[in-house]
Amino acid sequence: MSKNIYFIGQLGSDAGGWYIGADGKIHRVPGWNPEAMTDLAAAVHVIRYANLVKTAGFGSQIMKEAVGFAQKQLAEYVKDGGIVVISGH
């Protein structure tokens, strides 16, 4: 089974992106809800920085919540086991 690979611009943008389909062609993905993208961007930042927390259990609890939220948000837009590549700064 082939997977779609999604290329998404800066998080928090409703500009959309592209994916390479199973047919090997590039397909356009319409923009996402800007408010949802802002929330997803915040969750990705939380995940990134929660990993740096050294207090036992604290960082992992934060990550658990943030990862769950991010997975739920991505599941609304990424279908069929697609792979998301997120560019950031």
Protein backbone atom coordinates (compact mmCIF):
# COMPACT_ATOMS: atom_id res chain seq x y z
CA MET A 1 0.00 0.00 0.00
CA SER A 2 1.41 3.38 -0.99
CA LYS A 3 1.34 6.30 1.38
CA ASN A 4 0.73 9.91 0.47
CA ILE A 5 3.44 12.32 1.56
CA TYR A 6 2.09 15.75 2.49
CA PHE A 7 4.31 18.84 2.30
CA ILE A 8 2.94 21.67 4.41
CA GLY A 9 4.26 25.20 4.56
CA GLN A 10 4.66 27.18 7.75
CA LEU A 11 2.27 26.02 10.45
CA GLY A 12 -0.45 28.51 11.15
CA SER A 13 -1.00 29.22 7.46
CA ASP A 14 -4.09 28.42 5.43
CA ALA A 15 -2.02 28.35 2.23
CA GLY A 16 -2.36 24.61 1.75
CA GLY A 17 0.35 22.42 0.29
CA TRP A 18 1.01 19.44 -1.93
CA TYR A 19 1.35 15.70 -1.74
CA ILE A 20 2.89 13.06 -3.94
CA GLY A 21 0.18 10.51 -4.60
CA ALA A 22 0.42 6.79 -5.22
CA ASP A 23 0.30 7.68 -8.92
CA GLY A 24 3.65 9.48 -8.53
CA LYS A 25 2.10 12.86 -9.38
CA ILE A 26 2.02 16.02 -7.29
CA HIS A 27 -1.45 16.96 -6.03
CA ARG A 28 -2.59 20.22 -4.42
CA VAL A 29 -3.98 20.16 -0.90
CA PRO A 30 -6.38 23.01 -0.09
CA GLY A 31 -5.67 25.29 2.85
CA TRP A 32 -6.59 24.20 6.36
CA ASN A 33 -8.64 26.08 8.90
CA PRO A 34 -6.27 28.87 10.08
CA GLU A 35 -7.38 28.63 13.72
CA ALA A 36 -6.88 24.86 13.75
CA MET A 37 -3.43 25.30 12.19
CA THR A 38 -2.47 27.84 14.85
CA ASP A 39 -3.49 25.36 17.56
CA LEU A 40 -1.57 22.56 15.82
CA ALA A 41 1.50 24.77 15.52
CA ALA A 42 1.33 25.51 19.26
CA ALA A 43 1.02 21.78 20.03
CA VAL A 44 4.07 21.02 17.87
CA HIS A 45 6.07 23.65 19.76
CA VAL A 46 4.90 22.22 23.10
CA ILE A 47 6.01 18.75 22.00
CA ARG A 48 9.39 20.08 20.91
CA TYR A 49 10.07 21.88 24.20
CA ALA A 50 8.42 19.40 26.59
CA ASN A 51 11.11 16.96 25.52
CA LEU A 52 13.67 19.28 27.14
CA VAL A 53 12.02 19.21 30.60
CA LYS A 54 14.20 17.14 32.93
CA THR A 55 11.77 16.83 35.87
CA ALA A 56 10.72 13.18 36.02
CA GLY A 57 7.27 12.59 34.55
CA PHE A 58 6.45 16.26 33.99
CA GLY A 59 7.65 16.56 30.39
CA SER A 60 6.22 13.19 29.41
CA GLN A 61 2.78 14.11 30.75
CA ILE A 62 2.80 17.36 28.78
CA MET A 63 3.92 15.50 25.65
CA LYS A 64 1.20 12.86 26.08
CA GLU A 65 -1.52 15.52 26.00
CA ALA A 66 0.05 17.54 23.17
CA VAL A 67 0.74 14.48 20.98
CA GLY A 68 -2.84 13.27 21.45
CA PHE A 69 -4.17 16.67 20.41
CA ALA A 70 -1.84 16.88 17.38
CA GLN A 71 -2.79 13.38 16.24
CA LYS A 72 -6.47 14.25 16.44
CA GLN A 73 -5.96 17.45 14.44
CA LEU A 74 -3.86 15.72 11.77
CA ALA A 75 -6.35 12.86 11.46
CA GLU A 76 -8.94 15.37 10.27
CA TYR A 77 -6.80 16.37 7.29
CA VAL A 78 -4.35 13.56 6.54
CA LYS A 79 -6.05 10.42 5.27
CA ASP A 80 -5.01 6.92 4.25
CA GLY A 81 -1.89 6.78 6.44
CA GLY A 82 -0.23 9.77 4.77
CA ILE A 83 3.11 11.12 5.98
CA VAL A 84 3.32 14.78 7.00
CA VAL A 85 6.46 16.87 6.45
CA ILE A 86 6.20 20.14 8.36
CA SER A 87 8.57 23.00 7.66
CA GLY A 88 9.28 25.33 10.52
CA HIS A 89 11.63 28.02 11.59
